[in-house]
Amino acid sequence: MAKKIEMKFENQDGKVVTYSLDNPVEPVDAIAVQAAMDEIITQNAFTSSGGDLVAVKSARIVERNVLDIELA
């Protein structure tokens, strides 16, 4: 099972921009995630086609199960 943390930000155009990282540390420390996302905005670490990131929207852990199908 592959897990990712998705961090959602709002950009200057008011659109949601999602960045994801593989294999998040668990259990997730919400305070650390908030601090990291705030720092991304403060440092202007990322930009998007809609401009700079201006606000934190949300964060979540996404778990995905993949089952390959054997084809003849």
C-alpha atoms as a PDB file:
ATOM      1  CA  MET A   1       0.000   0.000   0.000  1.00  0.00           C
ATOM      2  CA  ALA A   2       1.442   3.298  -1.079  1.00  0.00           C
ATOM      3  CA  LYS A   3       0.867   6.302   1.164  1.00  0.00           C
ATOM      4  CA  LYS A   4       1.353   9.968   0.391  1.00  0.00           C
ATOM      5  CA  ILE A   5       0.823  13.179   2.247  1.00  0.00           C
ATOM      6  CA  GLU A   6      -1.004  15.779   0.181  1.00  0.00           C
ATOM      7  CA  MET A   7      -0.576  19.431   1.114  1.00  0.00           C
ATOM      8  CA  LYS A   8      -3.080  21.829  -0.425  1.00  0.00           C
ATOM      9  CA  PHE A   9      -2.400  25.544  -0.805  1.00  0.00           C
ATOM     10  CA  GLU A  10      -4.224  28.477  -2.334  1.00  0.00           C
ATOM     11  CA  ASN A  11      -2.357  30.493  -4.956  1.00  0.00           C
ATOM     12  CA  GLN A  12      -2.661  34.143  -5.982  1.00  0.00           C
ATOM     13  CA  ASP A  13      -5.396  33.251  -8.494  1.00  0.00           C
ATOM     14  CA  GLY A  14      -7.474  31.691  -5.699  1.00  0.00           C
ATOM     15  CA  LYS A  15      -6.998  28.170  -7.057  1.00  0.00           C
ATOM     16  CA  VAL A  16      -5.995  25.133  -5.002  1.00  0.00           C
ATOM     17  CA  VAL A  17      -2.526  23.713  -5.674  1.00  0.00           C
ATOM     18  CA  THR A  18      -1.623  20.261  -4.336  1.00  0.00           C
ATOM     19  CA  TYR A  19       1.884  19.000  -3.582  1.00  0.00           C
ATOM     20  CA  SER A  20       2.389  15.422  -2.464  1.00  0.00           C
ATOM     21  CA  LEU A  21       5.249  13.527  -0.867  1.00  0.00           C
ATOM     22  CA  ASP A  22       5.679   9.761  -0.701  1.00  0.00           C
ATOM     23  CA  ASN A  23       6.050   7.735   2.492  1.00  0.00           C
ATOM     24  CA  PRO A  24       5.040  10.241   5.173  1.00  0.00           C
ATOM     25  CA  VAL A  25       6.264   9.730   8.734  1.00  0.00           C
ATOM     26  CA  GLU A  26       3.519   8.195  10.839  1.00  0.00           C
ATOM     27  CA  PRO A  27       1.863   8.928  13.086  1.00  0.00           C
ATOM     28  CA  VAL A  28       1.474  12.316  11.450  1.00  0.00           C
ATOM     29  CA  ASP A  29       2.255  15.327  13.632  1.00  0.00           C
ATOM     30  CA  ALA A  30      -0.343  17.924  12.612  1.00  0.00           C
ATOM     31  CA  ILE A  31       1.601  20.748  14.264  1.00  0.00           C
ATOM     32  CA  ALA A  32       4.756  19.841  12.307  1.00  0.00           C
ATOM     33  CA  VAL A  33       2.797  19.621   9.047  1.00  0.00           C
ATOM     34  CA  GLN A  34       1.221  23.046   9.691  1.00  0.00           C
ATOM     35  CA  ALA A  35       4.632  24.521  10.506  1.00  0.00           C
ATOM     36  CA  ALA A  36       6.173  23.048   7.336  1.00  0.00           C
ATOM     37  CA  MET A  37       3.340  24.372   5.172  1.00  0.00           C
ATOM     38  CA  ASP A  38       3.598  27.818   6.764  1.00  0.00           C
ATOM     39  CA  GLU A  39       7.342  27.788   6.107  1.00  0.00           C
ATOM     40  CA  ILE A  40       6.789  26.842   2.444  1.00  0.00           C
ATOM     41  CA  ILE A  41       4.648  29.976   2.097  1.00  0.00           C
ATOM     42  CA  THR A  42       7.055  32.172   4.104  1.00  0.00           C
ATOM     43  CA  GLN A  43      10.072  31.065   2.062  1.00  0.00           C
ATOM     44  CA  ASN A  44       8.111  31.264  -1.211  1.00  0.00           C
ATOM     45  CA  ALA A  45       9.547  27.798  -1.862  1.00  0.00           C
ATOM     46  CA  PHE A  46       7.094  26.849  -4.628  1.00  0.00           C
ATOM     47  CA  THR A  47       5.151  28.704  -7.243  1.00  0.00           C
ATOM     48  CA  SER A  48       2.359  27.657  -9.565  1.00  0.00           C
ATOM     49  CA  SER A  49       0.939  28.696 -12.908  1.00  0.00           C
ATOM     50  CA  GLY A  50      -1.514  30.834 -10.909  1.00  0.00           C
ATOM     51  CA  GLY A  51       1.216  32.666  -9.025  1.00  0.00           C
ATOM     52  CA  ASP A  52       2.776  32.317  -5.597  1.00  0.00           C
ATOM     53  CA  LEU A  53       1.229  30.235  -2.838  1.00  0.00           C
ATOM     54  CA  VAL A  54      -0.581  32.536  -0.420  1.00  0.00           C
ATOM     55  CA  ALA A  55      -2.531  30.362   2.050  1.00  0.00           C
ATOM     56  CA  VAL A  56      -2.649  26.885   3.584  1.00  0.00           C
ATOM     57  CA  LYS A  57      -5.867  25.043   2.684  1.00  0.00           C
ATOM     58  CA  SER A  58      -5.534  21.494   4.050  1.00  0.00           C
ATOM     59  CA  ALA A  59      -3.408  18.373   4.379  1.00  0.00           C
ATOM     60  CA  ARG A  60      -4.270  14.705   4.253  1.00  0.00           C
ATOM     61  CA  ILE A  61      -2.802  11.227   4.056  1.00  0.00           C
ATOM     62  CA  VAL A  62      -3.831   9.283   0.977  1.00  0.00           C
ATOM     63  CA  GLU A  63      -3.460   5.519   0.869  1.00  0.00           C
ATOM     64  CA  ARG A  64      -3.703   3.699  -2.424  1.00  0.00           C
ATOM     65  CA  ASN A  65      -4.008  -0.011  -3.100  1.00  0.00           C
ATOM     66  CA  VAL A  66      -2.894  -1.217  -6.511  1.00  0.00           C
ATOM     67  CA  LEU A  67      -3.644  -4.710  -7.762  1.00  0.00           C
ATOM     68  CA  ASP A  68      -2.086  -5.647 -11.084  1.00  0.00           C
ATOM     69  CA  ILE A  69      -4.222  -7.770 -13.397  1.00  0.00           C
ATOM     70  CA  GLU A  70      -2.416 -10.602 -15.124  1.00  0.00           C
ATOM     71  CA  LEU A  71      -3.257 -10.451 -18.812  1.00  0.00           C
ATOM     72  CA  ALA A  72      -2.792 -13.420 -21.134  1.00  0.00           C
END
